[in-house]
Amino acid sequence: MPPDAVSLRCILAVNLKRRRQAQGLSQEALADRAGLHRTFVGAVERAERNISLDNIERLALALGVGPATLLAPEPTP
């Protein structure tokens, strides 16, 4: 990976945290909605976990978005 490239794991981490905070949810509340553990959500938001597609889908559904939304990089100006 080129040095300036952002990993998909980091993109997911940023998007997940932004979406969660925009909805006023704590990590625990999001984890409850998704059927996951609070510490798991925190680790994903810090890009420490290699998350499965199934869990990406669970988090996306809990946030009311499609999985692709959580994996899409921010457009560059």
PDB file of N, CA and C in Angstrom:
ATOM      1  N   MET A   1       0.851  -1.171   0.000  1.00  0.00           N
ATOM      2  CA  MET A   1       0.000   0.000   0.000  1.00  0.00           C
ATOM      3  C   MET A   1       0.901   1.240   0.000  1.00  0.00           C
ATOM      4  N   PRO A   2       0.604   2.211  -0.873  1.00  0.00           N
ATOM      5  CA  PRO A   2       1.403   3.438  -0.880  1.00  0.00           C
ATOM      6  C   PRO A   2       1.322   4.155   0.463  1.00  0.00           C
ATOM      7  N   PRO A   3       2.371   4.885   0.841  1.00  0.00           N
ATOM      8  CA  PRO A   3       2.398   5.540   2.157  1.00  0.00           C
ATOM      9  C   PRO A   3       1.241   6.499   2.396  1.00  0.00           C
ATOM     10  N   ASP A   4       0.711   7.127   1.336  1.00  0.00           N
ATOM     11  CA  ASP A   4      -0.374   8.087   1.518  1.00  0.00           C
ATOM     12  C   ASP A   4      -1.759   7.446   1.431  1.00  0.00           C
ATOM     13  N   ALA A   5      -1.813   6.167   1.167  1.00  0.00           N
ATOM     14  CA  ALA A   5      -3.094   5.473   1.063  1.00  0.00           C
ATOM     15  C   ALA A   5      -3.678   5.225   2.455  1.00  0.00           C
ATOM     16  N   VAL A   6      -4.981   5.365   2.541  1.00  0.00           N
ATOM     17  CA  VAL A   6      -5.681   5.124   3.800  1.00  0.00           C
ATOM     18  C   VAL A   6      -6.294   3.733   3.722  1.00  0.00           C
ATOM     19  N   SER A   7      -6.097   2.935   4.753  1.00  0.00           N
ATOM     20  CA  SER A   7      -6.623   1.577   4.732  1.00  0.00           C
ATOM     21  C   SER A   7      -8.141   1.584   4.859  1.00  0.00           C
ATOM     22  N   LEU A   8      -8.756   0.576   4.309  1.00  0.00           N
ATOM     23  CA  LEU A   8     -10.204   0.426   4.398  1.00  0.00           C
ATOM     24  C   LEU A   8     -10.635   0.319   5.855  1.00  0.00           C
ATOM     25  N   ARG A   9      -9.804  -0.289   6.678  1.00  0.00           N
ATOM     26  CA  ARG A   9     -10.101  -0.396   8.104  1.00  0.00           C
ATOM     27  C   ARG A   9     -10.192   0.991   8.746  1.00  0.00           C
ATOM     28  N   CYS A  10      -9.298   1.896   8.353  1.00  0.00           N
ATOM     29  CA  CYS A  10      -9.327   3.272   8.888  1.00  0.00           C
ATOM     30  C   CYS A  10     -10.533   4.045   8.370  1.00  0.00           C
ATOM     31  N   ILE A  11     -10.881   3.841   7.111  1.00  0.00           N
ATOM     32  CA  ILE A  11     -12.068   4.495   6.545  1.00  0.00           C
ATOM     33  C   ILE A  11     -13.305   4.050   7.308  1.00  0.00           C
ATOM     34  N   LEU A  12     -13.427   2.748   7.536  1.00  0.00           N
ATOM     35  CA  LEU A  12     -14.559   2.218   8.299  1.00  0.00           C
ATOM     36  C   LEU A  12     -14.587   2.820   9.697  1.00  0.00           C
ATOM     37  N   ALA A  13     -13.442   2.902  10.340  1.00  0.00           N
ATOM     38  CA  ALA A  13     -13.366   3.435  11.706  1.00  0.00           C
ATOM     39  C   ALA A  13     -13.888   4.866  11.769  1.00  0.00           C
ATOM     40  N   VAL A  14     -13.433   5.698  10.851  1.00  0.00           N
ATOM     41  CA  VAL A  14     -13.848   7.106  10.830  1.00  0.00           C
ATOM     42  C   VAL A  14     -15.337   7.222  10.527  1.00  0.00           C
ATOM     43  N   ASN A  15     -15.800   6.506   9.509  1.00  0.00           N
ATOM     44  CA  ASN A  15     -17.214   6.587   9.123  1.00  0.00           C
ATOM     45  C   ASN A  15     -18.135   6.074  10.222  1.00  0.00           C
ATOM     46  N   LEU A  16     -17.750   4.995  10.866  1.00  0.00           N
ATOM     47  CA  LEU A  16     -18.570   4.430  11.934  1.00  0.00           C
ATOM     48  C   LEU A  16     -18.702   5.419  13.089  1.00  0.00           C
ATOM     49  N   LYS A  17     -17.593   5.979  13.510  1.00  0.00           N
ATOM     50  CA  LYS A  17     -17.619   6.922  14.629  1.00  0.00           C
ATOM     51  C   LYS A  17     -18.433   8.168  14.283  1.00  0.00           C
ATOM     52  N   ARG A  18     -18.234   8.702  13.085  1.00  0.00           N
ATOM     53  CA  ARG A  18     -18.990   9.897  12.669  1.00  0.00           C
ATOM     54  C   ARG A  18     -20.491   9.625  12.641  1.00  0.00           C
ATOM     55  N   ARG A  19     -20.881   8.515  12.060  1.00  0.00           N
ATOM     56  CA  ARG A  19     -22.307   8.166  11.979  1.00  0.00           C
ATOM     57  C   ARG A  19     -22.895   7.959  13.368  1.00  0.00           C
ATOM     58  N   ARG A  20     -22.167   7.263  14.211  1.00  0.00           N
ATOM     59  CA  ARG A  20     -22.651   6.999  15.573  1.00  0.00           C
ATOM     60  C   ARG A  20     -22.839   8.309  16.331  1.00  0.00           C
ATOM     61  N   GLN A  21     -21.836   9.167  16.291  1.00  0.00           N
ATOM     62  CA  GLN A  21     -21.918  10.441  17.005  1.00  0.00           C
ATOM     63  C   GLN A  21     -23.002  11.345  16.428  1.00  0.00           C
ATOM     64  N   ALA A  22     -23.181  11.326  15.118  1.00  0.00           N
ATOM     65  CA  ALA A  22     -24.217  12.150  14.486  1.00  0.00           C
ATOM     66  C   ALA A  22     -25.610  11.752  14.958  1.00  0.00           C
ATOM     67  N   GLN A  23     -25.766  10.488  15.326  1.00  0.00           N
ATOM     68  CA  GLN A  23     -27.054  10.008  15.822  1.00  0.00           C
ATOM     69  C   GLN A  23     -27.155  10.115  17.339  1.00  0.00           C
ATOM     70  N   GLY A  24     -26.114  10.642  17.969  1.00  0.00           N
ATOM     71  CA  GLY A  24     -26.134  10.817  19.415  1.00  0.00           C
ATOM     72  C   GLY A  24     -26.070   9.517  20.193  1.00  0.00           C
ATOM     73  N   LEU A  25     -25.448   8.508  19.595  1.00  0.00           N
ATOM     74  CA  LEU A  25     -25.356   7.197  20.240  1.00  0.00           C
ATOM     75  C   LEU A  25     -24.003   7.017  20.921  1.00  0.00           C
ATOM     76  N   SER A  26     -24.019   6.353  22.057  1.00  0.00           N
ATOM     77  CA  SER A  26     -22.770   5.928  22.686  1.00  0.00           C
ATOM     78  C   SER A  26     -22.315   4.643  21.998  1.00  0.00           C
ATOM     79  N   GLN A  27     -21.083   4.259  22.241  1.00  0.00           N
ATOM     80  CA  GLN A  27     -20.606   2.980  21.710  1.00  0.00           C
ATOM     81  C   GLN A  27     -21.455   1.843  22.253  1.00  0.00           C
ATOM     82  N   GLU A  28     -21.833   1.947  23.509  1.00  0.00           N
ATOM     83  CA  GLU A  28     -22.646   0.903  24.129  1.00  0.00           C
ATOM     84  C   GLU A  28     -24.025   0.812  23.488  1.00  0.00           C
ATOM     85  N   ALA A  29     -24.647   1.959  23.218  1.00  0.00           N
ATOM     86  CA  ALA A  29     -25.976   1.959  22.598  1.00  0.00           C
ATOM     87  C   ALA A  29     -25.915   1.366  21.195  1.00  0.00           C
ATOM     88  N   LEU A  30     -24.899   1.723  20.424  1.00  0.00           N
ATOM     89  CA  LEU A  30     -24.748   1.156  19.086  1.00  0.00           C
ATOM     90  C   LEU A  30     -24.502  -0.343  19.174  1.00  0.00           C
ATOM     91  N   ALA A  31     -23.646  -0.746  20.092  1.00  0.00           N
ATOM     92  CA  ALA A  31     -23.361  -2.170  20.262  1.00  0.00           C
ATOM     93  C   ALA A  31     -24.631  -2.940  20.604  1.00  0.00           C
ATOM     94  N   ASP A  32     -25.452  -2.394  21.487  1.00  0.00           N
ATOM     95  CA  ASP A  32     -26.714  -3.049  21.848  1.00  0.00           C
ATOM     96  C   ASP A  32     -27.617  -3.204  20.637  1.00  0.00           C
ATOM     97  N   ARG A  33     -27.737  -2.146  19.856  1.00  0.00           N
ATOM     98  CA  ARG A  33     -28.577  -2.198  18.648  1.00  0.00           C
ATOM     99  C   ARG A  33     -28.091  -3.253  17.663  1.00  0.00           C
ATOM    100  N   ALA A  34     -26.771  -3.385  17.570  1.00  0.00           N
ATOM    101  CA  ALA A  34     -26.176  -4.295  16.590  1.00  0.00           C
ATOM    102  C   ALA A  34     -25.978  -5.708  17.127  1.00  0.00           C
ATOM    103  N   GLY A  35     -26.203  -5.905  18.424  1.00  0.00           N
ATOM    104  CA  GLY A  35     -25.990  -7.224  19.013  1.00  0.00           C
ATOM    105  C   GLY A  35     -24.515  -7.555  19.172  1.00  0.00           C
ATOM    106  N   LEU A  36     -23.713  -6.525  19.416  1.00  0.00           N
ATOM    107  CA  LEU A  36     -22.271  -6.696  19.581  1.00  0.00           C
ATOM    108  C   LEU A  36     -21.852  -6.168  20.950  1.00  0.00           C
ATOM    109  N   HIS A  37     -20.608  -6.388  21.314  1.00  0.00           N
ATOM    110  CA  HIS A  37     -20.106  -5.911  22.605  1.00  0.00           C
ATOM    111  C   HIS A  37     -19.547  -4.502  22.450  1.00  0.00           C
ATOM    112  N   ARG A  38     -19.713  -3.695  23.478  1.00  0.00           N
ATOM    113  CA  ARG A  38     -19.245  -2.306  23.482  1.00  0.00           C
ATOM    114  C   ARG A  38     -17.754  -2.201  23.176  1.00  0.00           C
ATOM    115  N   THR A  39     -16.952  -3.083  23.756  1.00  0.00           N
ATOM    116  CA  THR A  39     -15.508  -3.001  23.530  1.00  0.00           C
ATOM    117  C   THR A  39     -15.154  -3.329  22.078  1.00  0.00           C
ATOM    118  N   PHE A  40     -15.965  -4.159  21.444  1.00  0.00           N
ATOM    119  CA  PHE A  40     -15.748  -4.482  20.032  1.00  0.00           C
ATOM    120  C   PHE A  40     -15.964  -3.240  19.172  1.00  0.00           C
ATOM    121  N   VAL A  41     -17.052  -2.510  19.440  1.00  0.00           N
ATOM    122  CA  VAL A  41     -17.339  -1.286  18.686  1.00  0.00           C
ATOM    123  C   VAL A  41     -16.198  -0.284  18.875  1.00  0.00           C
ATOM    124  N   GLY A  42     -15.720  -0.136  20.092  1.00  0.00           N
ATOM    125  CA  GLY A  42     -14.604   0.769  20.349  1.00  0.00           C
ATOM    126  C   GLY A  42     -13.353   0.372  19.583  1.00  0.00           C
ATOM    127  N   ALA A  43     -13.074  -0.916  19.547  1.00  0.00           N
ATOM    128  CA  ALA A  43     -11.891  -1.397  18.832  1.00  0.00           C
ATOM    129  C   ALA A  43     -12.024  -1.165  17.328  1.00  0.00           C
ATOM    130  N   VAL A  44     -13.227  -1.325  16.792  1.00  0.00           N
ATOM    131  CA  VAL A  44     -13.456  -1.060  15.367  1.00  0.00           C
ATOM    132  C   VAL A  44     -13.254   0.427  15.086  1.00  0.00           C
ATOM    133  N   GLU A  45     -13.758   1.283  15.963  1.00  0.00           N
ATOM    134  CA  GLU A  45     -13.610   2.731  15.775  1.00  0.00           C
ATOM    135  C   GLU A  45     -12.156   3.186  15.892  1.00  0.00           C
ATOM    136  N   ARG A  46     -11.324   2.403  16.536  1.00  0.00           N
ATOM    137  CA  ARG A  46      -9.891   2.725  16.631  1.00  0.00           C
ATOM    138  C   ARG A  46      -9.084   1.975  15.568  1.00  0.00           C
ATOM    139  N   ALA A  47      -9.778   1.283  14.672  1.00  0.00           N
ATOM    140  CA  ALA A  47      -9.157   0.504  13.591  1.00  0.00           C
ATOM    141  C   ALA A  47      -8.244  -0.590  14.133  1.00  0.00           C
ATOM    142  N   GLU A  48      -8.607  -1.147  15.278  1.00  0.00           N
ATOM    143  CA  GLU A  48      -7.812  -2.209  15.898  1.00  0.00           C
ATOM    144  C   GLU A  48      -8.325  -3.603  15.560  1.00  0.00           C
ATOM    145  N   ARG A  49      -9.519  -3.695  15.008  1.00  0.00           N
ATOM    146  CA  ARG A  49     -10.119  -5.003  14.722  1.00  0.00           C
ATOM    147  C   ARG A  49     -10.290  -5.203  13.231  1.00  0.00           C
ATOM    148  N   ASN A  50     -10.051  -6.412  12.785  1.00  0.00           N
ATOM    149  CA  ASN A  50     -10.326  -6.800  11.411  1.00  0.00           C
ATOM    150  C   ASN A  50     -11.737  -7.370  11.412  1.00  0.00           C
ATOM    151  N   ILE A  51     -12.700  -6.560  11.078  1.00  0.00           N
ATOM    152  CA  ILE A  51     -14.111  -6.871  11.236  1.00  0.00           C
ATOM    153  C   ILE A  51     -14.634  -7.681  10.045  1.00  0.00           C
ATOM    154  N   SER A  52     -15.562  -8.589  10.312  1.00  0.00           N
ATOM    155  CA  SER A  52     -16.154  -9.405   9.253  1.00  0.00           C
ATOM    156  C   SER A  52     -17.228  -8.623   8.505  1.00  0.00           C
ATOM    157  N   LEU A  53     -17.546  -9.088   7.317  1.00  0.00           N
ATOM    158  CA  LEU A  53     -18.628  -8.472   6.541  1.00  0.00           C
ATOM    159  C   LEU A  53     -19.953  -8.569   7.285  1.00  0.00           C
ATOM    160  N   ASP A  54     -20.171  -9.671   7.971  1.00  0.00           N
ATOM    161  CA  ASP A  54     -21.415  -9.835   8.737  1.00  0.00           C
ATOM    162  C   ASP A  54     -21.547  -8.747   9.797  1.00  0.00           C
ATOM    163  N   ASN A  55     -20.464  -8.439  10.487  1.00  0.00           N
ATOM    164  CA  ASN A  55     -20.522  -7.413  11.531  1.00  0.00           C
ATOM    165  C   ASN A  55     -20.594  -6.003  10.953  1.00  0.00           C
ATOM    166  N   ILE A  56     -19.994  -5.785   9.786  1.00  0.00           N
ATOM    167  CA  ILE A  56     -20.173  -4.493   9.111  1.00  0.00           C
ATOM    168  C   ILE A  56     -21.650  -4.304   8.799  1.00  0.00           C
ATOM    169  N   GLU A  57     -22.279  -5.351   8.313  1.00  0.00           N
ATOM    170  CA  GLU A  57     -23.708  -5.277   7.995  1.00  0.00           C
ATOM    171  C   GLU A  57     -24.542  -5.015   9.250  1.00  0.00           C
ATOM    172  N   ARG A  58     -24.218  -5.666  10.339  1.00  0.00           N
ATOM    173  CA  ARG A  58     -24.957  -5.456  11.596  1.00  0.00           C
ATOM    174  C   ARG A  58     -24.843  -4.014  12.071  1.00  0.00           C
ATOM    175  N   LEU A  59     -23.645  -3.461  12.010  1.00  0.00           N
ATOM    176  CA  LEU A  59     -23.443  -2.072  12.424  1.00  0.00           C
ATOM    177  C   LEU A  59     -24.171  -1.106  11.486  1.00  0.00           C
ATOM    178  N   ALA A  60     -24.100  -1.378  10.193  1.00  0.00           N
ATOM    179  CA  ALA A  60     -24.787  -0.520   9.224  1.00  0.00           C
ATOM    180  C   ALA A  60     -26.296  -0.526   9.466  1.00  0.00           C
ATOM    181  N   LEU A  61     -26.858  -1.698   9.667  1.00  0.00           N
ATOM    182  CA  LEU A  61     -28.300  -1.794   9.930  1.00  0.00           C
ATOM    183  C   LEU A  61     -28.667  -1.057  11.211  1.00  0.00           C
ATOM    184  N   ALA A  62     -27.835  -1.176  12.221  1.00  0.00           N
ATOM    185  CA  ALA A  62     -28.094  -0.496  13.495  1.00  0.00           C
ATOM    186  C   ALA A  62     -28.058   1.022  13.339  1.00  0.00           C
ATOM    187  N   LEU A  63     -27.301   1.501  12.350  1.00  0.00           N
ATOM    188  CA  LEU A  63     -27.213   2.938  12.089  1.00  0.00           C
ATOM    189  C   LEU A  63     -28.197   3.399  11.013  1.00  0.00           C
ATOM    190  N   GLY A  64     -28.881   2.444  10.390  1.00  0.00           N
ATOM    191  CA  GLY A  64     -29.852   2.790   9.355  1.00  0.00           C
ATOM    192  C   GLY A  64     -29.225   3.200   8.037  1.00  0.00           C
ATOM    193  N   VAL A  65     -28.050   2.663   7.745  1.00  0.00           N
ATOM    194  CA  VAL A  65     -27.370   2.952   6.480  1.00  0.00           C
ATOM    195  C   VAL A  65     -26.974   1.635   5.821  1.00  0.00           C
ATOM    196  N   GLY A  66     -26.580   1.711   4.565  1.00  0.00           N
ATOM    197  CA  GLY A  66     -26.071   0.534   3.884  1.00  0.00           C
ATOM    198  C   GLY A  66     -24.616   0.294   4.238  1.00  0.00           C
ATOM    199  N   PRO A  67     -24.158  -0.949   4.159  1.00  0.00           N
ATOM    200  CA  PRO A  67     -22.760  -1.247   4.461  1.00  0.00           C
ATOM    201  C   PRO A  67     -21.779  -0.427   3.624  1.00  0.00           C
ATOM    202  N   ALA A  68     -22.120  -0.160   2.377  1.00  0.00           N
ATOM    203  CA  ALA A  68     -21.224   0.610   1.504  1.00  0.00           C
ATOM    204  C   ALA A  68     -20.979   2.012   2.055  1.00  0.00           C
ATOM    205  N   THR A  69     -21.952   2.564   2.751  1.00  0.00           N
ATOM    206  CA  THR A  69     -21.808   3.896   3.347  1.00  0.00           C
ATOM    207  C   THR A  69     -20.668   3.916   4.354  1.00  0.00           C
ATOM    208  N   LEU A  70     -20.526   2.835   5.106  1.00  0.00           N
ATOM    209  CA  LEU A  70     -19.475   2.774   6.119  1.00  0.00           C
ATOM    210  C   LEU A  70     -18.093   2.531   5.510  1.00  0.00           C
ATOM    211  N   LEU A  71     -18.070   2.044   4.275  1.00  0.00           N
ATOM    212  CA  LEU A  71     -16.798   1.703   3.639  1.00  0.00           C
ATOM    213  C   LEU A  71     -16.345   2.724   2.601  1.00  0.00           C
ATOM    214  N   ALA A  72     -17.169   3.732   2.342  1.00  0.00           N
ATOM    215  CA  ALA A  72     -16.856   4.714   1.302  1.00  0.00           C
ATOM    216  C   ALA A  72     -15.908   5.790   1.827  1.00  0.00           C
ATOM    217  N   PRO A  73     -14.812   6.035   1.107  1.00  0.00           N
ATOM    218  CA  PRO A  73     -13.921   7.118   1.528  1.00  0.00           C
ATOM    219  C   PRO A  73     -14.596   8.471   1.326  1.00  0.00           C
ATOM    220  N   GLU A  74     -14.179   9.440   2.123  1.00  0.00           N
ATOM    221  CA  GLU A  74     -14.700  10.799   1.979  1.00  0.00           C
ATOM    222  C   GLU A  74     -14.187  11.368   0.662  1.00  0.00           C
ATOM    223  N   PRO A  75     -15.053  12.078  -0.066  1.00  0.00           N
ATOM    224  CA  PRO A  75     -14.562  12.701  -1.306  1.00  0.00           C
ATOM    225  C   PRO A  75     -13.516  13.770  -0.994  1.00  0.00           C
ATOM    226  N   THR A  76     -12.525  13.856  -1.845  1.00  0.00           N
ATOM    227  CA  THR A  76     -11.487  14.869  -1.649  1.00  0.00           C
ATOM    228  C   THR A  76     -11.865  16.122  -2.432  1.00  0.00           C
ATOM    229  N   PRO A  77     -11.659  17.287  -1.836  1.00  0.00           N
ATOM    230  CA  PRO A  77     -12.047  18.543  -2.509  1.00  0.00           C
ATOM    231  C   PRO A  77     -11.176  18.865  -3.699  1.00  0.00           C
TER     232      PRO A  77
END
